[in-house]
All heavy atoms as atom14 arrays in JSON, in Angstrom:
{
  "sequence": "QNFSVLAPAGVGKTTAIVDRIVQMARRPDAIDKLPRLVVVTYTLKAA",
  "atom14_mask": [
    [1, 1, 1, 1, 1, 1, 1, 1, 1, 0, 0, 0, 0, 0],
    [1, 1, 1, 1, 1, 1, 1, 1, 0, 0, 0, 0, 0, 0],
    [1, 1, 1, 1, 1, 1, 1, 1, 1, 1, 1, 0, 0, 0],
    [1, 1, 1, 1, 1, 1, 0, 0, 0, 0, 0, 0, 0, 0],
    [1, 1, 1, 1, 1, 1, 1, 0, 0, 0, 0, 0, 0, 0],
    [1, 1, 1, 1, 1, 1, 1, 1, 0, 0, 0, 0, 0, 0],
    [1, 1, 1, 1, 1, 0, 0, 0, 0, 0, 0, 0, 0, 0],
    [1, 1, 1, 1, 1, 1, 1, 0, 0, 0, 0, 0, 0, 0],
    [1, 1, 1, 1, 1, 0, 0, 0, 0, 0, 0, 0, 0, 0],
    [1, 1, 1, 1, 0, 0, 0, 0, 0, 0, 0, 0, 0, 0],
    [1, 1, 1, 1, 1, 1, 1, 0, 0, 0, 0, 0, 0, 0],
    [1, 1, 1, 1, 0, 0, 0, 0, 0, 0, 0, 0, 0, 0],
    [1, 1, 1, 1, 1, 1, 1, 1, 1, 0, 0, 0, 0, 0],
    [1, 1, 1, 1, 1, 1, 1, 0, 0, 0, 0, 0, 0, 0],
    [1, 1, 1, 1, 1, 1, 1, 0, 0, 0, 0, 0, 0, 0],
    [1, 1, 1, 1, 1, 0, 0, 0, 0, 0, 0, 0, 0, 0],
    [1, 1, 1, 1, 1, 1, 1, 1, 0, 0, 0, 0, 0, 0],
    [1, 1, 1, 1, 1, 1, 1, 0, 0, 0, 0, 0, 0, 0],
    [1, 1, 1, 1, 1, 1, 1, 1, 0, 0, 0, 0, 0, 0],
    [1, 1, 1, 1, 1, 1, 1, 1, 1, 1, 1, 0, 0, 0],
    [1, 1, 1, 1, 1, 1, 1, 1, 0, 0, 0, 0, 0, 0],
    [1, 1, 1, 1, 1, 1, 1, 0, 0, 0, 0, 0, 0, 0],
    [1, 1, 1, 1, 1, 1, 1, 1, 1, 0, 0, 0, 0, 0],
    [1, 1, 1, 1, 1, 1, 1, 1, 0, 0, 0, 0, 0, 0],
    [1, 1, 1, 1, 1, 0, 0, 0, 0, 0, 0, 0, 0, 0],
    [1, 1, 1, 1, 1, 1, 1, 1, 1, 1, 1, 0, 0, 0],
    [1, 1, 1, 1, 1, 1, 1, 1, 1, 1, 1, 0, 0, 0],
    [1, 1, 1, 1, 1, 1, 1, 0, 0, 0, 0, 0, 0, 0],
    [1, 1, 1, 1, 1, 1, 1, 1, 0, 0, 0, 0, 0, 0],
    [1, 1, 1, 1, 1, 0, 0, 0, 0, 0, 0, 0, 0, 0],
    [1, 1, 1, 1, 1, 1, 1, 1, 0, 0, 0, 0, 0, 0],
    [1, 1, 1, 1, 1, 1, 1, 1, 0, 0, 0, 0, 0, 0],
    [1, 1, 1, 1, 1, 1, 1, 1, 1, 0, 0, 0, 0, 0],
    [1, 1, 1, 1, 1, 1, 1, 1, 0, 0, 0, 0, 0, 0],
    [1, 1, 1, 1, 1, 1, 1, 0, 0, 0, 0, 0, 0, 0],
    [1, 1, 1, 1, 1, 1, 1, 1, 1, 1, 1, 0, 0, 0],
    [1, 1, 1, 1, 1, 1, 1, 1, 0, 0, 0, 0, 0, 0],
    [1, 1, 1, 1, 1, 1, 1, 0, 0, 0, 0, 0, 0, 0],
    [1, 1, 1, 1, 1, 1, 1, 0, 0, 0, 0, 0, 0, 0],
    [1, 1, 1, 1, 1, 1, 1, 0, 0, 0, 0, 0, 0, 0],
    [1, 1, 1, 1, 1, 1, 1, 0, 0, 0, 0, 0, 0, 0],
    [1, 1, 1, 1, 1, 1, 1, 1, 1, 1, 1, 1, 0, 0],
    [1, 1, 1, 1, 1, 1, 1, 0, 0, 0, 0, 0, 0, 0],
    [1, 1, 1, 1, 1, 1, 1, 1, 0, 0, 0, 0, 0, 0],
    [1, 1, 1, 1, 1, 1, 1, 1, 1, 0, 0, 0, 0, 0],
    [1, 1, 1, 1, 1, 0, 0, 0, 0, 0, 0, 0, 0, 0],
    [1, 1, 1, 1, 1, 0, 0, 0, 0, 0, 0, 0, 0, 0]
  ],
  "atom14_positions": [
    [[-2.13, 13.81, 1.85], [-1.81, 14.87, 0.9], [-2.79, 16.03, 1.04], [-3.93, 15.85, 1.48], [-1.85, 14.34, -0.54], [-0.8, 13.29, -0.86], [-0.85, 12.88, -2.32], [-0.99, 13.73, -3.2], [-0.73, 11.6, -2.58], [0.0, 0.0, 0.0], [0.0, 0.0, 0.0], [0.0, 0.0, 0.0], [0.0, 0.0, 0.0], [0.0, 0.0, 0.0]],
    [[-2.34, 17.21, 0.62], [-3.21, 18.37, 0.47], [-3.64, 18.47, -0.99], [-2.86, 18.14, -1.89], [-2.5, 19.67, 0.87], [-2.15, 19.71, 2.34], [-2.76, 19.01, 3.14], [-1.17, 20.52, 2.7], [0.0, 0.0, 0.0], [0.0, 0.0, 0.0], [0.0, 0.0, 0.0], [0.0, 0.0, 0.0], [0.0, 0.0, 0.0], [0.0, 0.0, 0.0]],
    [[-4.86, 18.94, -1.21], [-5.36, 19.07, -2.57], [-6.09, 20.4, -2.74], [-6.73, 20.89, -1.82], [-6.35, 17.94, -2.9], [-5.73, 16.58, -2.95], [-5.92, 15.67, -1.91], [-4.94, 16.19, -4.03], [-5.34, 14.42, -1.94], [-4.36, 14.94, -4.07], [-4.55, 14.05, -3.03], [0.0, 0.0, 0.0], [0.0, 0.0, 0.0], [0.0, 0.0, 0.0]],
    [[-5.98, 20.94, -3.95], [-6.85, 22.04, -4.39], [-7.62, 21.5, -5.59], [-7.05, 21.23, -6.65], [-6.04, 23.27, -4.78], [-6.91, 24.31, -5.22], [0.0, 0.0, 0.0], [0.0, 0.0, 0.0], [0.0, 0.0, 0.0], [0.0, 0.0, 0.0], [0.0, 0.0, 0.0], [0.0, 0.0, 0.0], [0.0, 0.0, 0.0], [0.0, 0.0, 0.0]],
    [[-8.92, 21.31, -5.39], [-9.76, 20.65, -6.39], [-10.59, 21.68, -7.13], [-11.31, 22.47, -6.52], [-10.69, 19.61, -5.72], [-11.52, 18.89, -6.78], [-9.89, 18.61, -4.9], [0.0, 0.0, 0.0], [0.0, 0.0, 0.0], [0.0, 0.0, 0.0], [0.0, 0.0, 0.0], [0.0, 0.0, 0.0], [0.0, 0.0, 0.0], [0.0, 0.0, 0.0]],
    [[-10.48, 21.68, -8.45], [-11.37, 22.48, -9.3], [-12.59, 21.62, -9.6], [-12.47, 20.57, -10.23], [-10.66, 22.88, -10.59], [-9.41, 23.75, -10.43], [-8.78, 24.03, -11.78], [-9.73, 25.04, -9.72], [0.0, 0.0, 0.0], [0.0, 0.0, 0.0], [0.0, 0.0, 0.0], [0.0, 0.0, 0.0], [0.0, 0.0, 0.0], [0.0, 0.0, 0.0]],
    [[-13.75, 22.06, -9.14], [-14.95, 21.24, -9.22], [-16.14, 22.07, -9.67], [-16.78, 22.73, -8.85], [-15.25, 20.58, -7.88], [0.0, 0.0, 0.0], [0.0, 0.0, 0.0], [0.0, 0.0, 0.0], [0.0, 0.0, 0.0], [0.0, 0.0, 0.0], [0.0, 0.0, 0.0], [0.0, 0.0, 0.0], [0.0, 0.0, 0.0], [0.0, 0.0, 0.0]],
    [[-16.45, 22.09, -10.97], [-17.62, 22.83, -11.45], [-18.92, 22.26, -10.91], [-18.95, 21.22, -10.27], [-17.52, 22.66, -12.98], [-16.1, 22.32, -13.25], [-15.65, 21.52, -12.07], [0.0, 0.0, 0.0], [0.0, 0.0, 0.0], [0.0, 0.0, 0.0], [0.0, 0.0, 0.0], [0.0, 0.0, 0.0], [0.0, 0.0, 0.0], [0.0, 0.0, 0.0]],
    [[-20.01, 22.95, -11.22], [-21.32, 22.56, -10.7], [-21.71, 21.17, -11.18], [-21.5, 20.83, -12.34], [-22.37, 23.58, -11.12], [0.0, 0.0, 0.0], [0.0, 0.0, 0.0], [0.0, 0.0, 0.0], [0.0, 0.0, 0.0], [0.0, 0.0, 0.0], [0.0, 0.0, 0.0], [0.0, 0.0, 0.0], [0.0, 0.0, 0.0], [0.0, 0.0, 0.0]],
    [[-22.28, 20.39, -10.27], [-22.86, 19.12, -10.64], [-21.9, 17.96, -10.75], [-22.29, 16.87, -11.2], [0.0, 0.0, 0.0], [0.0, 0.0, 0.0], [0.0, 0.0, 0.0], [0.0, 0.0, 0.0], [0.0, 0.0, 0.0], [0.0, 0.0, 0.0], [0.0, 0.0, 0.0], [0.0, 0.0, 0.0], [0.0, 0.0, 0.0], [0.0, 0.0, 0.0]],
    [[-20.65, 18.13, -10.33], [-19.66, 17.05, -10.5], [-19.52, 16.19, -9.25], [-18.65, 15.33, -9.19], [-18.28, 17.62, -10.89], [-18.35, 18.34, -12.23], [-17.73, 18.55, -9.81], [0.0, 0.0, 0.0], [0.0, 0.0, 0.0], [0.0, 0.0, 0.0], [0.0, 0.0, 0.0], [0.0, 0.0, 0.0], [0.0, 0.0, 0.0], [0.0, 0.0, 0.0]],
    [[-20.37, 16.4, -8.26], [-20.33, 15.54, -7.08], [-19.25, 15.88, -6.08], [-18.71, 15.01, -5.41], [0.0, 0.0, 0.0], [0.0, 0.0, 0.0], [0.0, 0.0, 0.0], [0.0, 0.0, 0.0], [0.0, 0.0, 0.0], [0.0, 0.0, 0.0], [0.0, 0.0, 0.0], [0.0, 0.0, 0.0], [0.0, 0.0, 0.0], [0.0, 0.0, 0.0]],
    [[-18.95, 17.19, -5.94], [-17.89, 17.58, -5.02], [-18.27, 17.29, -3.57], [-17.43, 16.89, -2.77], [-17.52, 19.06, -5.18], [-18.64, 20.03, -4.82], [-18.2, 21.46, -5.05], [-19.31, 22.44, -4.71], [-19.7, 22.4, -3.3], [0.0, 0.0, 0.0], [0.0, 0.0, 0.0], [0.0, 0.0, 0.0], [0.0, 0.0, 0.0], [0.0, 0.0, 0.0]],
    [[-19.55, 17.52, -3.21], [-19.97, 17.24, -1.85], [-19.82, 15.75, -1.54], [-19.36, 15.37, -0.46], [-21.43, 17.68, -1.62], [-21.53, 19.08, -1.89], [-21.87, 17.41, -0.2], [0.0, 0.0, 0.0], [0.0, 0.0, 0.0], [0.0, 0.0, 0.0], [0.0, 0.0, 0.0], [0.0, 0.0, 0.0], [0.0, 0.0, 0.0], [0.0, 0.0, 0.0]],
    [[-20.19, 14.91, -2.5], [-20.03, 13.47, -2.33], [-18.57, 13.11, -2.13], [-18.23, 12.27, -1.29], [-20.61, 12.73, -3.54], [-21.99, 13.05, -3.67], [-20.45, 11.23, -3.38], [0.0, 0.0, 0.0], [0.0, 0.0, 0.0], [0.0, 0.0, 0.0], [0.0, 0.0, 0.0], [0.0, 0.0, 0.0], [0.0, 0.0, 0.0], [0.0, 0.0, 0.0]],
    [[-17.69, 13.75, -2.88], [-16.26, 13.47, -2.74], [-15.75, 13.89, -1.36], [-14.96, 13.17, -0.74], [-15.48, 14.19, -3.84], [0.0, 0.0, 0.0], [0.0, 0.0, 0.0], [0.0, 0.0, 0.0], [0.0, 0.0, 0.0], [0.0, 0.0, 0.0], [0.0, 0.0, 0.0], [0.0, 0.0, 0.0], [0.0, 0.0, 0.0], [0.0, 0.0, 0.0]],
    [[-16.18, 15.06, -0.87], [-15.77, 15.5, 0.46], [-16.27, 14.52, 1.52], [-15.53, 14.12, 2.43], [-16.29, 16.93, 0.75], [-15.6, 17.94, -0.16], [-16.09, 17.29, 2.21], [-16.18, 19.34, -0.09], [0.0, 0.0, 0.0], [0.0, 0.0, 0.0], [0.0, 0.0, 0.0], [0.0, 0.0, 0.0], [0.0, 0.0, 0.0], [0.0, 0.0, 0.0]],
    [[-17.53, 14.11, 1.38], [-18.1, 13.15, 2.33], [-17.3, 11.85, 2.31], [-16.95, 11.29, 3.37], [-19.58, 12.88, 2.0], [-20.11, 11.68, 2.78], [-20.42, 14.12, 2.29], [0.0, 0.0, 0.0], [0.0, 0.0, 0.0], [0.0, 0.0, 0.0], [0.0, 0.0, 0.0], [0.0, 0.0, 0.0], [0.0, 0.0, 0.0], [0.0, 0.0, 0.0]],
    [[-16.96, 11.36, 1.12], [-16.22, 10.1, 1.03], [-14.81, 10.23, 1.59], [-14.28, 9.27, 2.16], [-16.17, 9.64, -0.43], [-17.5, 9.04, -0.89], [-18.36, 8.83, -0.02], [-17.67, 8.79, -2.09], [0.0, 0.0, 0.0], [0.0, 0.0, 0.0], [0.0, 0.0, 0.0], [0.0, 0.0, 0.0], [0.0, 0.0, 0.0], [0.0, 0.0, 0.0]],
    [[-14.18, 11.39, 1.44], [-12.86, 11.58, 2.03], [-12.95, 11.48, 3.55], [-12.09, 10.86, 4.2], [-12.28, 12.93, 1.61], [-10.86, 13.19, 2.16], [-10.3, 14.5, 1.63], [-9.01, 14.82, 2.27], [-7.83, 14.45, 1.79], [-7.75, 13.74, 0.68], [-6.72, 14.79, 2.42], [0.0, 0.0, 0.0], [0.0, 0.0, 0.0], [0.0, 0.0, 0.0]],
    [[-13.98, 12.08, 4.13], [-14.12, 12.02, 5.59], [-14.44, 10.6, 6.04], [-13.94, 10.14, 7.09], [-15.22, 13.01, 6.05], [-14.81, 14.45, 5.68], [-15.44, 12.91, 7.56], [-15.9, 15.48, 5.91], [0.0, 0.0, 0.0], [0.0, 0.0, 0.0], [0.0, 0.0, 0.0], [0.0, 0.0, 0.0], [0.0, 0.0, 0.0], [0.0, 0.0, 0.0]],
    [[-15.25, 9.87, 5.26], [-15.53, 8.47, 5.6], [-14.25, 7.66, 5.58], [-14.04, 6.79, 6.46], [-16.58, 7.89, 4.62], [-16.71, 6.37, 4.8], [-17.93, 8.56, 4.82], [0.0, 0.0, 0.0], [0.0, 0.0, 0.0], [0.0, 0.0, 0.0], [0.0, 0.0, 0.0], [0.0, 0.0, 0.0], [0.0, 0.0, 0.0], [0.0, 0.0, 0.0]],
    [[-13.38, 7.93, 4.62], [-12.1, 7.21, 4.58], [-11.25, 7.57, 5.8], [-10.54, 6.71, 6.35], [-11.34, 7.56, 3.3], [-12.01, 7.09, 2.02], [-12.28, 5.59, 2.02], [-11.43, 4.79, 2.44], [-13.46, 5.21, 1.55], [0.0, 0.0, 0.0], [0.0, 0.0, 0.0], [0.0, 0.0, 0.0], [0.0, 0.0, 0.0], [0.0, 0.0, 0.0]],
    [[-11.32, 8.81, 6.26], [-10.62, 9.19, 7.49], [-11.14, 8.37, 8.68], [-10.38, 7.97, 9.56], [-10.8, 10.68, 7.77], [-10.13, 11.6, 6.76], [-10.53, 13.36, 7.02], [-9.84, 13.63, 8.64], [0.0, 0.0, 0.0], [0.0, 0.0, 0.0], [0.0, 0.0, 0.0], [0.0, 0.0, 0.0], [0.0, 0.0, 0.0], [0.0, 0.0, 0.0]],
    [[-12.47, 8.13, 8.68], [-13.07, 7.39, 9.79], [-12.69, 5.91, 9.79], [-12.83, 5.23, 10.81], [-14.59, 7.53, 9.72], [0.0, 0.0, 0.0], [0.0, 0.0, 0.0], [0.0, 0.0, 0.0], [0.0, 0.0, 0.0], [0.0, 0.0, 0.0], [0.0, 0.0, 0.0], [0.0, 0.0, 0.0], [0.0, 0.0, 0.0], [0.0, 0.0, 0.0]],
    [[-12.2, 5.41, 8.67], [-11.77, 4.01, 8.58], [-10.41, 3.78, 9.23], [-10.06, 2.64, 9.56], [-11.7, 3.56, 7.12], [-13.03, 3.46, 6.41], [-12.78, 3.02, 4.97], [-14.0, 2.87, 4.22], [-14.75, 1.76, 4.21], [-14.37, 0.71, 4.94], [-15.85, 1.7, 3.49], [0.0, 0.0, 0.0], [0.0, 0.0, 0.0], [0.0, 0.0, 0.0]],
    [[-9.64, 4.84, 9.37], [-8.26, 4.69, 9.81], [-8.19, 4.34, 11.3], [-9.08, 4.7, 12.09], [-7.48, 5.98, 9.55], [-7.31, 6.29, 8.05], [-6.68, 7.65, 7.86], [-5.39, 7.74, 8.53], [-4.23, 7.39, 8.0], [-4.19, 6.91, 6.76], [-3.1, 7.52, 8.67], [0.0, 0.0, 0.0], [0.0, 0.0, 0.0], [0.0, 0.0, 0.0]],
    [[-7.1, 3.66, 11.7], [-6.96, 3.29, 13.12], [-6.92, 4.5, 14.06], [-7.31, 4.4, 15.22], [-5.62, 2.53, 13.14], [-5.41, 2.06, 11.74], [-6.02, 3.1, 10.86], [0.0, 0.0, 0.0], [0.0, 0.0, 0.0], [0.0, 0.0, 0.0], [0.0, 0.0, 0.0], [0.0, 0.0, 0.0], [0.0, 0.0, 0.0], [0.0, 0.0, 0.0]],
    [[-6.45, 5.66, 13.53], [-6.34, 6.85, 14.38], [-7.57, 7.75, 14.26], [-7.52, 8.93, 14.61], [-5.08, 7.65, 14.03], [-5.05, 8.08, 12.56], [-5.98, 7.71, 11.81], [-4.1, 8.79, 12.17], [0.0, 0.0, 0.0], [0.0, 0.0, 0.0], [0.0, 0.0, 0.0], [0.0, 0.0, 0.0], [0.0, 0.0, 0.0], [0.0, 0.0, 0.0]],
    [[-8.71, 7.23, 13.76], [-9.89, 8.05, 13.52], [-10.4, 8.72, 14.78], [-10.84, 9.87, 14.74], [-11.0, 7.18, 12.9], [0.0, 0.0, 0.0], [0.0, 0.0, 0.0], [0.0, 0.0, 0.0], [0.0, 0.0, 0.0], [0.0, 0.0, 0.0], [0.0, 0.0, 0.0], [0.0, 0.0, 0.0], [0.0, 0.0, 0.0], [0.0, 0.0, 0.0]],
    [[-10.35, 8.02, 15.91], [-10.87, 8.58, 17.16], [-10.09, 9.83, 17.56], [-10.62, 10.77, 18.14], [-10.82, 7.53, 18.28], [-11.73, 6.35, 17.92], [-11.25, 8.13, 19.62], [-11.65, 5.2, 18.89], [0.0, 0.0, 0.0], [0.0, 0.0, 0.0], [0.0, 0.0, 0.0], [0.0, 0.0, 0.0], [0.0, 0.0, 0.0], [0.0, 0.0, 0.0]],
    [[-8.81, 9.86, 17.18], [-7.98, 11.03, 17.47], [-8.12, 12.1, 16.4], [-8.11, 13.3, 16.72], [-6.51, 10.59, 17.58], [-5.58, 11.77, 17.82], [-5.75, 12.45, 18.86], [-4.7, 12.03, 16.97], [0.0, 0.0, 0.0], [0.0, 0.0, 0.0], [0.0, 0.0, 0.0], [0.0, 0.0, 0.0], [0.0, 0.0, 0.0], [0.0, 0.0, 0.0]],
    [[-8.28, 11.71, 15.15], [-8.27, 12.66, 14.04], [-9.61, 13.36, 13.82], [-9.66, 14.56, 13.53], [-7.86, 11.94, 12.75], [-6.45, 11.4, 12.74], [-5.42, 12.51, 12.66], [-4.01, 11.94, 12.48], [-2.99, 13.01, 12.45], [0.0, 0.0, 0.0], [0.0, 0.0, 0.0], [0.0, 0.0, 0.0], [0.0, 0.0, 0.0], [0.0, 0.0, 0.0]],
    [[-10.71, 12.63, 13.93], [-12.01, 13.22, 13.58], [-12.38, 14.43, 14.43], [-12.94, 15.41, 13.9], [-13.1, 12.16, 13.66], [-13.06, 11.09, 12.56], [-14.17, 10.07, 12.76], [-13.17, 11.72, 11.18], [0.0, 0.0, 0.0], [0.0, 0.0, 0.0], [0.0, 0.0, 0.0], [0.0, 0.0, 0.0], [0.0, 0.0, 0.0], [0.0, 0.0, 0.0]],
    [[-12.1, 14.45, 15.73], [-12.42, 15.67, 16.5], [-11.6, 16.88, 16.08], [-11.96, 18.02, 16.43], [-12.09, 15.27, 17.95], [-12.17, 13.78, 17.96], [-11.67, 13.36, 16.62], [0.0, 0.0, 0.0], [0.0, 0.0, 0.0], [0.0, 0.0, 0.0], [0.0, 0.0, 0.0], [0.0, 0.0, 0.0], [0.0, 0.0, 0.0], [0.0, 0.0, 0.0]],
    [[-10.53, 16.67, 15.34], [-9.67, 17.77, 14.88], [-10.08, 18.26, 13.49], [-9.39, 19.1, 12.91], [-8.22, 17.32, 14.86], [-7.72, 16.77, 16.19], [-6.32, 16.17, 16.04], [-5.93, 15.43, 17.23], [-5.31, 15.96, 18.28], [-5.0, 17.24, 18.28], [-4.99, 15.22, 19.32], [0.0, 0.0, 0.0], [0.0, 0.0, 0.0], [0.0, 0.0, 0.0]],
    [[-11.17, 17.74, 12.97], [-11.61, 18.08, 11.63], [-12.38, 19.4, 11.64], [-13.26, 19.62, 12.48], [-12.5, 16.96, 11.09], [-13.03, 17.1, 9.66], [-11.89, 17.12, 8.66], [-13.99, 15.95, 9.36], [0.0, 0.0, 0.0], [0.0, 0.0, 0.0], [0.0, 0.0, 0.0], [0.0, 0.0, 0.0], [0.0, 0.0, 0.0], [0.0, 0.0, 0.0]],
    [[-12.04, 20.28, 10.69], [-12.74, 21.57, 10.52], [-13.23, 21.62, 9.08], [-12.44, 21.74, 8.15], [-11.8, 22.76, 10.81], [-12.51, 24.09, 10.52], [-11.31, 22.73, 12.25], [0.0, 0.0, 0.0], [0.0, 0.0, 0.0], [0.0, 0.0, 0.0], [0.0, 0.0, 0.0], [0.0, 0.0, 0.0], [0.0, 0.0, 0.0], [0.0, 0.0, 0.0]],
    [[-14.54, 21.51, 8.89], [-15.14, 21.54, 7.56], [-15.88, 22.86, 7.41], [-16.85, 23.13, 8.14], [-16.11, 20.36, 7.35], [-16.68, 20.38, 5.93], [-15.37, 19.04, 7.6], [0.0, 0.0, 0.0], [0.0, 0.0, 0.0], [0.0, 0.0, 0.0], [0.0, 0.0, 0.0], [0.0, 0.0, 0.0], [0.0, 0.0, 0.0], [0.0, 0.0, 0.0]],
    [[-15.44, 23.68, 6.47], [-16.0, 25.03, 6.28], [-16.66, 25.09, 4.91], [-16.03, 24.78, 3.89], [-14.9, 26.1, 6.4], [-15.47, 27.48, 6.08], [-14.28, 26.09, 7.79], [0.0, 0.0, 0.0], [0.0, 0.0, 0.0], [0.0, 0.0, 0.0], [0.0, 0.0, 0.0], [0.0, 0.0, 0.0], [0.0, 0.0, 0.0], [0.0, 0.0, 0.0]],
    [[-17.91, 25.5, 4.87], [-18.61, 25.68, 3.61], [-19.4, 26.98, 3.65], [-19.31, 27.75, 4.62], [-19.5, 24.47, 3.3], [-20.0, 24.59, 1.96], [-20.66, 24.36, 4.28], [0.0, 0.0, 0.0], [0.0, 0.0, 0.0], [0.0, 0.0, 0.0], [0.0, 0.0, 0.0], [0.0, 0.0, 0.0], [0.0, 0.0, 0.0], [0.0, 0.0, 0.0]],
    [[-20.18, 27.22, 2.59], [-20.7, 28.57, 2.37], [-21.88, 28.93, 3.27], [-22.01, 30.06, 3.71], [-21.09, 28.73, 0.89], [-21.59, 30.09, 0.53], [-20.74, 31.2, 0.62], [-22.9, 30.31, 0.11], [-21.18, 32.47, 0.3], [-23.35, 31.57, -0.21], [-22.49, 32.64, -0.11], [-22.93, 33.89, -0.43], [0.0, 0.0, 0.0], [0.0, 0.0, 0.0]],
    [[-22.76, 27.97, 3.56], [-23.94, 28.26, 4.38], [-24.06, 27.24, 5.5], [-23.55, 26.12, 5.4], [-25.24, 28.23, 3.54], [-25.45, 26.89, 3.07], [-25.16, 29.19, 2.37], [0.0, 0.0, 0.0], [0.0, 0.0, 0.0], [0.0, 0.0, 0.0], [0.0, 0.0, 0.0], [0.0, 0.0, 0.0], [0.0, 0.0, 0.0], [0.0, 0.0, 0.0]],
    [[-24.76, 27.62, 6.56], [-25.01, 26.69, 7.65], [-25.86, 25.51, 7.17], [-25.68, 24.37, 7.63], [-25.71, 27.42, 8.8], [-24.82, 28.38, 9.61], [-25.67, 29.15, 10.61], [-23.71, 27.63, 10.34], [0.0, 0.0, 0.0], [0.0, 0.0, 0.0], [0.0, 0.0, 0.0], [0.0, 0.0, 0.0], [0.0, 0.0, 0.0], [0.0, 0.0, 0.0]],
    [[-26.78, 25.77, 6.26], [-27.6, 24.7, 5.71], [-26.74, 23.66, 5.0], [-26.91, 22.45, 5.2], [-28.64, 25.27, 4.76], [-29.55, 24.22, 4.14], [-30.56, 24.86, 3.2], [-31.44, 23.8, 2.55], [-32.41, 24.4, 1.59], [0.0, 0.0, 0.0], [0.0, 0.0, 0.0], [0.0, 0.0, 0.0], [0.0, 0.0, 0.0], [0.0, 0.0, 0.0]],
    [[-25.8, 24.13, 4.19], [-24.91, 23.21, 3.47], [-24.03, 22.44, 4.45], [-23.77, 21.25, 4.27], [-24.05, 23.98, 2.47], [0.0, 0.0, 0.0], [0.0, 0.0, 0.0], [0.0, 0.0, 0.0], [0.0, 0.0, 0.0], [0.0, 0.0, 0.0], [0.0, 0.0, 0.0], [0.0, 0.0, 0.0], [0.0, 0.0, 0.0], [0.0, 0.0, 0.0]],
    [[-23.56, 23.12, 5.5], [-22.71, 22.46, 6.5], [-23.49, 21.38, 7.24], [-22.98, 20.27, 7.49], [-22.16, 23.48, 7.49], [0.0, 0.0, 0.0], [0.0, 0.0, 0.0], [0.0, 0.0, 0.0], [0.0, 0.0, 0.0], [0.0, 0.0, 0.0], [0.0, 0.0, 0.0], [0.0, 0.0, 0.0], [0.0, 0.0, 0.0], [0.0, 0.0, 0.0]]
  ]
}
């Protein structure tokens, strides 16, 4: 599914993004899917 998440400060949005990607890595097609991942955030430090 696609999602648009409203996430105010301090609610653990980065943790949620990280956990979504970890769940992607659990899938049988992870070797094919992970190289196609594009994660865009505000600063290079945050990325």
